[in-house]
Amino acid sequence: MYDVTAIGELLIDFAALSSDSAGYPTMKANPGGAPGNFLAALNAYGARTAFLGKVGGDAFGTLLVRTLADAGVETKGIVTDDTVFTTLAFVTFSPEGDRSFSFARKPGADTRLLFGELDLSLIDGARVFHFGTLSLTDEPVRTTTQKAVAYAREKGKMITFDPNLRPPLWKSREEAREQILWGLSRADVVKISDDEVEFLWGITDETEAAGKLLNEYGVRLAMITLGPKGAYLANRNGGGGGGWPPVDAALAVCPPVKPIDTTGAGDIFGGSAVARLLKTGKEPDCLTVEELAAIAAFASTAASLSTQVTGGIPSIPSEEAVLMHLCTGNA
């Protein structure tokens, strides 16, 4: 049995370390892909996970599969395709550590995944099924993902979703919005950033955004990340007796850090939050305000600490480090 099975992209993040006088960067290769980061964080915090995806028959694909296996993720659902290359992402940073992306994905191996290639036993044996929108940008992986989500829902699995908006990968903003809204309408638990909320609806207030997710899209737990300001978690129970809007007890702030690389921080937030949710043994809409606040604090701390190390999976802090930071009052 697995706690969480995810479908999606595995790729190499080339992160800029420095640049020469002409502006050309020296780059370091890191394992990447939001679902892989998400699952690795879950494993780091005690969950059992499995991955469904495709990599190229190349050195980077081999490295990625090995990295996930080393992180404790079940990799038998990863298909290797010798006809396409593993997707590459090139990440450059502002002085504040914020990222800009360029992709080599025309096509990338992750976009070529077919439904018939999925090991459905990895969905059958999981409590939760997770997906994001990078597997909705292109065919045939879009249809594969949609069928996999439908299959998981039919099997009664909890569905978690991360929009993970990357504008350069979409043909248009309208298409991106359409596919994100489709994902929201299928999800029980959503991790979404304040930037993505503003992209979808022009909303800048997290309480209003949470109300939209819960009341209009049927989401059972809304997790809105606010960058360095922290995160806001809400469910129908989180307002006290089913009232609305939820109280601010579910708002957590990030510990002060000096970020050098924010790559994967949102994925680490999502993975650590779902790990803490699963540890409660409760349904997402049954969590109390106090439980929501505890999940938000843990996940915000894990994500913040991760920004002090380059890369996604390599930056995941240990559970002990997160708990120690919380216990010493630094969060």
Foldseek 3Di string as FASTA:
>chain_A
DFAEEEEFAKAWEWEFDQADPVGHGDTDTFIDDLVLLLVLLLLLLPGAYEYAFEAEPDPVVVVNLVVSVVSRYHYPNYYYHPVFHAKYWYWYADQQQDTDIDIDPPPGGRQADDLVSGPCVRLLPYQEYEYECVLCAHPPSNVNVVVSLVVSVVSVHAYEYEHPDDVVSHPDLVSSLVVVLVSLLSHQEYEYEQVVLCSNPVDNDVLVSVCCSCPVRVHQKYWYAYPQQFIAIDGLCQLPPSDPDHDRLLGEHAFDDRFNHLRQLSSSLNSQLVSLVVVVVDRSNPDYSNSSNVSRLLSRHQSRQLRNDDYRSVSGDRSVVSVVCVVVPRD
